[in-house]
Amino acid sequence: MSRAGYPYDNAPMEKYFNTLKTELLNVHEYSKEKELYKAINDFAYIWYNQNRTHTYNNHKTTYEVRFAA
């Protein structure tokens, strides 16, 4: 996240947090803190990067773009 006065540096993180809230946190209810942490971890490291396609990657996952030969 960037310093005050540099709003465009925050754009990728703002987009990520918006996606996290709309596709995970606002959809499910968590009874324990441990469940919430596991869900966020799975979202970030499994679903968001390896399974979810992104328009800026020509509808490929981040994982596919990173390890394309």
PDB file of N, CA and C in Angstrom:
ATOM      1  N   MET A   1       0.851  -1.159   0.000  1.00  0.00           N
ATOM      2  CA  MET A   1       0.000   0.000   0.000  1.00  0.00           C
ATOM      3  C   MET A   1       0.907   1.235   0.000  1.00  0.00           C
ATOM      4  N   SER A   2       0.468   2.271  -0.655  1.00  0.00           N
ATOM      5  CA  SER A   2       1.344   3.422  -0.836  1.00  0.00           C
ATOM      6  C   SER A   2       1.103   4.500   0.213  1.00  0.00           C
ATOM      7  N   ARG A   3       1.927   5.502   0.139  1.00  0.00           N
ATOM      8  CA  ARG A   3       1.807   6.641   1.040  1.00  0.00           C
ATOM      9  C   ARG A   3       0.638   7.521   0.612  1.00  0.00           C
ATOM     10  N   ALA A   4       0.265   8.425   1.479  1.00  0.00           N
ATOM     11  CA  ALA A   4      -0.798   9.378   1.153  1.00  0.00           C
ATOM     12  C   ALA A   4      -0.354  10.248  -0.020  1.00  0.00           C
ATOM     13  N   GLY A   5      -1.262  10.549  -0.915  1.00  0.00           N
ATOM     14  CA  GLY A   5      -0.942  11.377  -2.070  1.00  0.00           C
ATOM     15  C   GLY A   5      -0.587  10.584  -3.310  1.00  0.00           C
ATOM     16  N   TYR A   6      -0.508   9.269  -3.217  1.00  0.00           N
ATOM     17  CA  TYR A   6      -0.199   8.406  -4.352  1.00  0.00           C
ATOM     18  C   TYR A   6      -1.308   7.360  -4.506  1.00  0.00           C
ATOM     19  N   PRO A   7      -2.493   7.779  -4.936  1.00  0.00           N
ATOM     20  CA  PRO A   7      -3.634   6.859  -4.930  1.00  0.00           C
ATOM     21  C   PRO A   7      -3.532   5.727  -5.936  1.00  0.00           C
ATOM     22  N   TYR A   8      -2.806   5.893  -7.012  1.00  0.00           N
ATOM     23  CA  TYR A   8      -2.771   4.860  -8.044  1.00  0.00           C
ATOM     24  C   TYR A   8      -1.920   3.662  -7.654  1.00  0.00           C
ATOM     25  N   ASP A   9      -1.023   3.818  -6.721  1.00  0.00           N
ATOM     26  CA  ASP A   9      -0.227   2.703  -6.243  1.00  0.00           C
ATOM     27  C   ASP A   9      -1.084   1.697  -5.475  1.00  0.00           C
ATOM     28  N   ASN A  10      -2.193   2.155  -4.909  1.00  0.00           N
ATOM     29  CA  ASN A  10      -3.061   1.298  -4.119  1.00  0.00           C
ATOM     30  C   ASN A  10      -4.039   0.488  -4.965  1.00  0.00           C
ATOM     31  N   ALA A  11      -4.166   0.790  -6.232  1.00  0.00           N
ATOM     32  CA  ALA A  11      -5.198   0.176  -7.064  1.00  0.00           C
ATOM     33  C   ALA A  11      -5.178  -1.358  -7.040  1.00  0.00           C
ATOM     34  N   PRO A  12      -4.046  -2.032  -7.204  1.00  0.00           N
ATOM     35  CA  PRO A  12      -4.068  -3.503  -7.168  1.00  0.00           C
ATOM     36  C   PRO A  12      -4.526  -4.064  -5.821  1.00  0.00           C
ATOM     37  N   MET A  13      -4.082  -3.475  -4.737  1.00  0.00           N
ATOM     38  CA  MET A  13      -4.486  -3.967  -3.419  1.00  0.00           C
ATOM     39  C   MET A  13      -5.944  -3.655  -3.129  1.00  0.00           C
ATOM     40  N   GLU A  14      -6.417  -2.490  -3.557  1.00  0.00           N
ATOM     41  CA  GLU A  14      -7.822  -2.157  -3.374  1.00  0.00           C
ATOM     42  C   GLU A  14      -8.709  -3.134  -4.141  1.00  0.00           C
ATOM     43  N   LYS A  15      -8.303  -3.489  -5.348  1.00  0.00           N
ATOM     44  CA  LYS A  15      -9.050  -4.453  -6.149  1.00  0.00           C
ATOM     45  C   LYS A  15      -9.055  -5.822  -5.466  1.00  0.00           C
ATOM     46  N   TYR A  16      -7.917  -6.237  -4.943  1.00  0.00           N
ATOM     47  CA  TYR A  16      -7.827  -7.522  -4.259  1.00  0.00           C
ATOM     48  C   TYR A  16      -8.733  -7.546  -3.031  1.00  0.00           C
ATOM     49  N   PHE A  17      -8.666  -6.498  -2.194  1.00  0.00           N
ATOM     50  CA  PHE A  17      -9.497  -6.458  -0.992  1.00  0.00           C
ATOM     51  C   PHE A  17     -10.979  -6.424  -1.338  1.00  0.00           C
ATOM     52  N   ASN A  18     -11.336  -5.714  -2.419  1.00  0.00           N
ATOM     53  CA  ASN A  18     -12.729  -5.692  -2.862  1.00  0.00           C
ATOM     54  C   ASN A  18     -13.180  -7.093  -3.275  1.00  0.00           C
ATOM     55  N   THR A  19     -12.355  -7.805  -4.017  1.00  0.00           N
ATOM     56  CA  THR A  19     -12.676  -9.168  -4.427  1.00  0.00           C
ATOM     57  C   THR A  19     -12.770 -10.086  -3.216  1.00  0.00           C
ATOM     58  N   LEU A  20     -11.855  -9.955  -2.282  1.00  0.00           N
ATOM     59  CA  LEU A  20     -11.880 -10.762  -1.057  1.00  0.00           C
ATOM     60  C   LEU A  20     -13.184 -10.566  -0.301  1.00  0.00           C
ATOM     61  N   LYS A  21     -13.601  -9.326  -0.161  1.00  0.00           N
ATOM     62  CA  LYS A  21     -14.827  -9.043   0.590  1.00  0.00           C
ATOM     63  C   LYS A  21     -16.069  -9.536  -0.143  1.00  0.00           C
ATOM     64  N   THR A  22     -16.159  -9.257  -1.441  1.00  0.00           N
ATOM     65  CA  THR A  22     -17.388  -9.596  -2.162  1.00  0.00           C
ATOM     66  C   THR A  22     -17.512 -11.078  -2.468  1.00  0.00           C
ATOM     67  N   GLU A  23     -16.411 -11.780  -2.678  1.00  0.00           N
ATOM     68  CA  GLU A  23     -16.487 -13.177  -3.081  1.00  0.00           C
ATOM     69  C   GLU A  23     -16.237 -14.163  -1.934  1.00  0.00           C
ATOM     70  N   LEU A  24     -15.808 -13.675  -0.777  1.00  0.00           N
ATOM     71  CA  LEU A  24     -15.542 -14.597   0.331  1.00  0.00           C
ATOM     72  C   LEU A  24     -16.172 -14.125   1.633  1.00  0.00           C
ATOM     73  N   LEU A  25     -15.766 -12.980   2.114  1.00  0.00           N
ATOM     74  CA  LEU A  25     -16.156 -12.560   3.457  1.00  0.00           C
ATOM     75  C   LEU A  25     -17.637 -12.217   3.580  1.00  0.00           C
ATOM     76  N   ASN A  26     -18.219 -11.588   2.576  1.00  0.00           N
ATOM     77  CA  ASN A  26     -19.627 -11.205   2.651  1.00  0.00           C
ATOM     78  C   ASN A  26     -20.567 -12.343   2.276  1.00  0.00           C
ATOM     79  N   VAL A  27     -20.033 -13.459   1.803  1.00  0.00           N
ATOM     80  CA  VAL A  27     -20.852 -14.590   1.358  1.00  0.00           C
ATOM     81  C   VAL A  27     -20.985 -15.645   2.446  1.00  0.00           C
ATOM     82  N   HIS A  28     -19.943 -15.819   3.243  1.00  0.00           N
ATOM     83  CA  HIS A  28     -19.921 -16.878   4.252  1.00  0.00           C
ATOM     84  C   HIS A  28     -19.925 -16.287   5.661  1.00  0.00           C
ATOM     85  N   GLU A  29     -20.341 -17.100   6.608  1.00  0.00           N
ATOM     86  CA  GLU A  29     -20.294 -16.725   8.008  1.00  0.00           C
ATOM     87  C   GLU A  29     -19.323 -17.660   8.720  1.00  0.00           C
ATOM     88  N   TYR A  30     -18.487 -17.110   9.576  1.00  0.00           N
ATOM     89  CA  TYR A  30     -17.473 -17.890  10.266  1.00  0.00           C
ATOM     90  C   TYR A  30     -17.731 -17.846  11.762  1.00  0.00           C
ATOM     91  N   SER A  31     -17.749 -19.004  12.389  1.00  0.00           N
ATOM     92  CA  SER A  31     -18.025 -19.055  13.825  1.00  0.00           C
ATOM     93  C   SER A  31     -16.746 -18.989  14.654  1.00  0.00           C
ATOM     94  N   LYS A  32     -15.626 -19.325  14.051  1.00  0.00           N
ATOM     95  CA  LYS A  32     -14.354 -19.304  14.775  1.00  0.00           C
ATOM     96  C   LYS A  32     -13.332 -18.512  13.978  1.00  0.00           C
ATOM     97  N   GLU A  33     -12.430 -17.876  14.702  1.00  0.00           N
ATOM     98  CA  GLU A  33     -11.380 -17.079  14.077  1.00  0.00           C
ATOM     99  C   GLU A  33     -10.472 -17.959  13.208  1.00  0.00           C
ATOM    100  N   LYS A  34     -10.219 -19.176  13.665  1.00  0.00           N
ATOM    101  CA  LYS A  34      -9.366 -20.109  12.922  1.00  0.00           C
ATOM    102  C   LYS A  34      -9.966 -20.435  11.554  1.00  0.00           C
ATOM    103  N   GLU A  35     -11.286 -20.593  11.481  1.00  0.00           N
ATOM    104  CA  GLU A  35     -11.970 -20.853  10.211  1.00  0.00           C
ATOM    105  C   GLU A  35     -11.792 -19.681   9.251  1.00  0.00           C
ATOM    106  N   LEU A  36     -11.914 -18.472   9.782  1.00  0.00           N
ATOM    107  CA  LEU A  36     -11.746 -17.271   8.964  1.00  0.00           C
ATOM    108  C   LEU A  36     -10.342 -17.190   8.397  1.00  0.00           C
ATOM    109  N   TYR A  37      -9.325 -17.408   9.233  1.00  0.00           N
ATOM    110  CA  TYR A  37      -7.938 -17.357   8.766  1.00  0.00           C
ATOM    111  C   TYR A  37      -7.656 -18.415   7.707  1.00  0.00           C
ATOM    112  N   LYS A  38      -8.190 -19.605   7.889  1.00  0.00           N
ATOM    113  CA  LYS A  38      -7.996 -20.668   6.896  1.00  0.00           C
ATOM    114  C   LYS A  38      -8.678 -20.306   5.583  1.00  0.00           C
ATOM    115  N   ALA A  39      -9.874 -19.749   5.655  1.00  0.00           N
ATOM    116  CA  ALA A  39     -10.598 -19.354   4.445  1.00  0.00           C
ATOM    117  C   ALA A  39      -9.853 -18.262   3.677  1.00  0.00           C
ATOM    118  N   ILE A  40      -9.323 -17.283   4.398  1.00  0.00           N
ATOM    119  CA  ILE A  40      -8.561 -16.213   3.740  1.00  0.00           C
ATOM    120  C   ILE A  40      -7.276 -16.758   3.139  1.00  0.00           C
ATOM    121  N   ASN A  41      -6.597 -17.638   3.840  1.00  0.00           N
ATOM    122  CA  ASN A  41      -5.379 -18.256   3.325  1.00  0.00           C
ATOM    123  C   ASN A  41      -5.666 -19.064   2.056  1.00  0.00           C
ATOM    124  N   ASP A  42      -6.712 -19.874   2.090  1.00  0.00           N
ATOM    125  CA  ASP A  42      -7.086 -20.655   0.911  1.00  0.00           C
ATOM    126  C   ASP A  42      -7.477 -19.750  -0.252  1.00  0.00           C
ATOM    127  N   PHE A  43      -8.188 -18.680   0.041  1.00  0.00           N
ATOM    128  CA  PHE A  43      -8.591 -17.728  -0.993  1.00  0.00           C
ATOM    129  C   PHE A  43      -7.365 -17.109  -1.654  1.00  0.00           C
ATOM    130  N   ALA A  44      -6.451 -16.645  -0.842  1.00  0.00           N
ATOM    131  CA  ALA A  44      -5.285 -15.930  -1.369  1.00  0.00           C
ATOM    132  C   ALA A  44      -4.330 -16.834  -2.123  1.00  0.00           C
ATOM    133  N   TYR A  45      -4.012 -17.985  -1.551  1.00  0.00           N
ATOM    134  CA  TYR A  45      -2.951 -18.805  -2.123  1.00  0.00           C
ATOM    135  C   TYR A  45      -3.428 -19.902  -3.055  1.00  0.00           C
ATOM    136  N   ILE A  46      -4.668 -20.278  -2.962  1.00  0.00           N
ATOM    137  CA  ILE A  46      -5.171 -21.351  -3.825  1.00  0.00           C
ATOM    138  C   ILE A  46      -6.136 -20.798  -4.862  1.00  0.00           C
ATOM    139  N   TRP A  47      -7.224 -20.234  -4.401  1.00  0.00           N
ATOM    140  CA  TRP A  47      -8.281 -19.847  -5.339  1.00  0.00           C
ATOM    141  C   TRP A  47      -7.917 -18.619  -6.155  1.00  0.00           C
ATOM    142  N   TYR A  48      -7.467 -17.547  -5.538  1.00  0.00           N
ATOM    143  CA  TYR A  48      -7.226 -16.291  -6.243  1.00  0.00           C
ATOM    144  C   TYR A  48      -6.081 -16.407  -7.242  1.00  0.00           C
ATOM    145  N   ASN A  49      -5.012 -17.063  -6.879  1.00  0.00           N
ATOM    146  CA  ASN A  49      -3.847 -17.140  -7.761  1.00  0.00           C
ATOM    147  C   ASN A  49      -3.841 -18.347  -8.697  1.00  0.00           C
ATOM    148  N   GLN A  50      -4.406 -19.468  -8.293  1.00  0.00           N
ATOM    149  CA  GLN A  50      -4.289 -20.675  -9.112  1.00  0.00           C
ATOM    150  C   GLN A  50      -5.553 -21.054  -9.853  1.00  0.00           C
ATOM    151  N   ASN A  51      -6.722 -20.619  -9.386  1.00  0.00           N
ATOM    152  CA  ASN A  51      -7.968 -21.047 -10.024  1.00  0.00           C
ATOM    153  C   ASN A  51      -8.746 -19.927 -10.696  1.00  0.00           C
ATOM    154  N   ARG A  52      -8.621 -18.717 -10.221  1.00  0.00           N
ATOM    155  CA  ARG A  52      -9.421 -17.609 -10.722  1.00  0.00           C
ATOM    156  C   ARG A  52      -8.730 -16.958 -11.907  1.00  0.00           C
ATOM    157  N   THR A  53      -9.467 -16.811 -13.014  1.00  0.00           N
ATOM    158  CA  THR A  53      -8.899 -16.146 -14.189  1.00  0.00           C
ATOM    159  C   THR A  53      -8.973 -14.638 -13.998  1.00  0.00           C
ATOM    160  N   HIS A  54      -8.059 -13.937 -14.653  1.00  0.00           N
ATOM    161  CA  HIS A  54      -7.982 -12.487 -14.548  1.00  0.00           C
ATOM    162  C   HIS A  54      -8.012 -11.885 -15.943  1.00  0.00           C
ATOM    163  N   THR A  55      -8.777 -10.833 -16.130  1.00  0.00           N
ATOM    164  CA  THR A  55      -8.894 -10.219 -17.457  1.00  0.00           C
ATOM    165  C   THR A  55      -7.563  -9.622 -17.914  1.00  0.00           C
ATOM    166  N   TYR A  56      -6.773  -9.077 -17.011  1.00  0.00           N
ATOM    167  CA  TYR A  56      -5.499  -8.486 -17.420  1.00  0.00           C
ATOM    168  C   TYR A  56      -4.478  -9.540 -17.842  1.00  0.00           C
ATOM    169  N   ASN A  57      -4.746 -10.814 -17.590  1.00  0.00           N
ATOM    170  CA  ASN A  57      -3.879 -11.916 -18.029  1.00  0.00           C
ATOM    171  C   ASN A  57      -4.480 -12.663 -19.214  1.00  0.00           C
ATOM    172  N   ASN A  58      -5.346 -12.021 -19.964  1.00  0.00           N
ATOM    173  CA  ASN A  58      -6.038 -12.663 -21.090  1.00  0.00           C
ATOM    174  C   ASN A  58      -6.821 -13.891 -20.628  1.00  0.00           C
ATOM    175  N   HIS A  59      -7.496 -13.741 -19.518  1.00  0.00           N
ATOM    176  CA  HIS A  59      -8.353 -14.781 -18.926  1.00  0.00           C
ATOM    177  C   HIS A  59      -7.580 -16.050 -18.577  1.00  0.00           C
ATOM    178  N   LYS A  60      -6.353 -15.871 -18.132  1.00  0.00           N
ATOM    179  CA  LYS A  60      -5.551 -16.967 -17.602  1.00  0.00           C
ATOM    180  C   LYS A  60      -5.370 -16.726 -16.114  1.00  0.00           C
ATOM    181  N   THR A  61      -5.070 -17.784 -15.388  1.00  0.00           N
ATOM    182  CA  THR A  61      -4.807 -17.613 -13.964  1.00  0.00           C
ATOM    183  C   THR A  61      -3.416 -17.033 -13.764  1.00  0.00           C
ATOM    184  N   THR A  62      -3.190 -16.461 -12.607  1.00  0.00           N
ATOM    185  CA  THR A  62      -1.869 -15.922 -12.290  1.00  0.00           C
ATOM    186  C   THR A  62      -0.829 -17.027 -12.306  1.00  0.00           C
ATOM    187  N   TYR A  63      -1.208 -18.178 -11.821  1.00  0.00           N
ATOM    188  CA  TYR A  63      -0.321 -19.338 -11.812  1.00  0.00           C
ATOM    189  C   TYR A  63       0.090 -19.732 -13.230  1.00  0.00           C
ATOM    190  N   GLU A  64      -0.868 -19.756 -14.168  1.00  0.00           N
ATOM    191  CA  GLU A  64      -0.559 -20.122 -15.555  1.00  0.00           C
ATOM    192  C   GLU A  64       0.403 -19.113 -16.193  1.00  0.00           C
ATOM    193  N   VAL A  65       0.204 -17.850 -15.933  1.00  0.00           N
ATOM    194  CA  VAL A  65       1.064 -16.827 -16.519  1.00  0.00           C
ATOM    195  C   VAL A  65       2.466 -16.902 -15.934  1.00  0.00           C
ATOM    196  N   ARG A  66       2.555 -17.103 -14.639  1.00  0.00           N
ATOM    197  CA  ARG A  66       3.857 -17.142 -13.972  1.00  0.00           C
ATOM    198  C   ARG A  66       4.704 -18.322 -14.440  1.00  0.00           C
ATOM    199  N   PHE A  67       4.076 -19.473 -14.653  1.00  0.00           N
ATOM    200  CA  PHE A  67       4.838 -20.667 -14.999  1.00  0.00           C
ATOM    201  C   PHE A  67       4.690 -21.079 -16.463  1.00  0.00           C
ATOM    202  N   ALA A  68       4.291 -20.144 -17.315  1.00  0.00           N
ATOM    203  CA  ALA A  68       4.194 -20.450 -18.747  1.00  0.00           C
ATOM    204  C   ALA A  68       5.596 -20.611 -19.321  1.00  0.00           C
ATOM    205  N   ALA A  69       5.750 -21.615 -20.107  1.00  0.00           N
ATOM    206  CA  ALA A  69       7.101 -21.892 -20.666  1.00  0.00           C
ATOM    207  C   ALA A  69       7.289 -21.247 -21.997  1.00  0.00           C
TER     208      ALA A  69
END
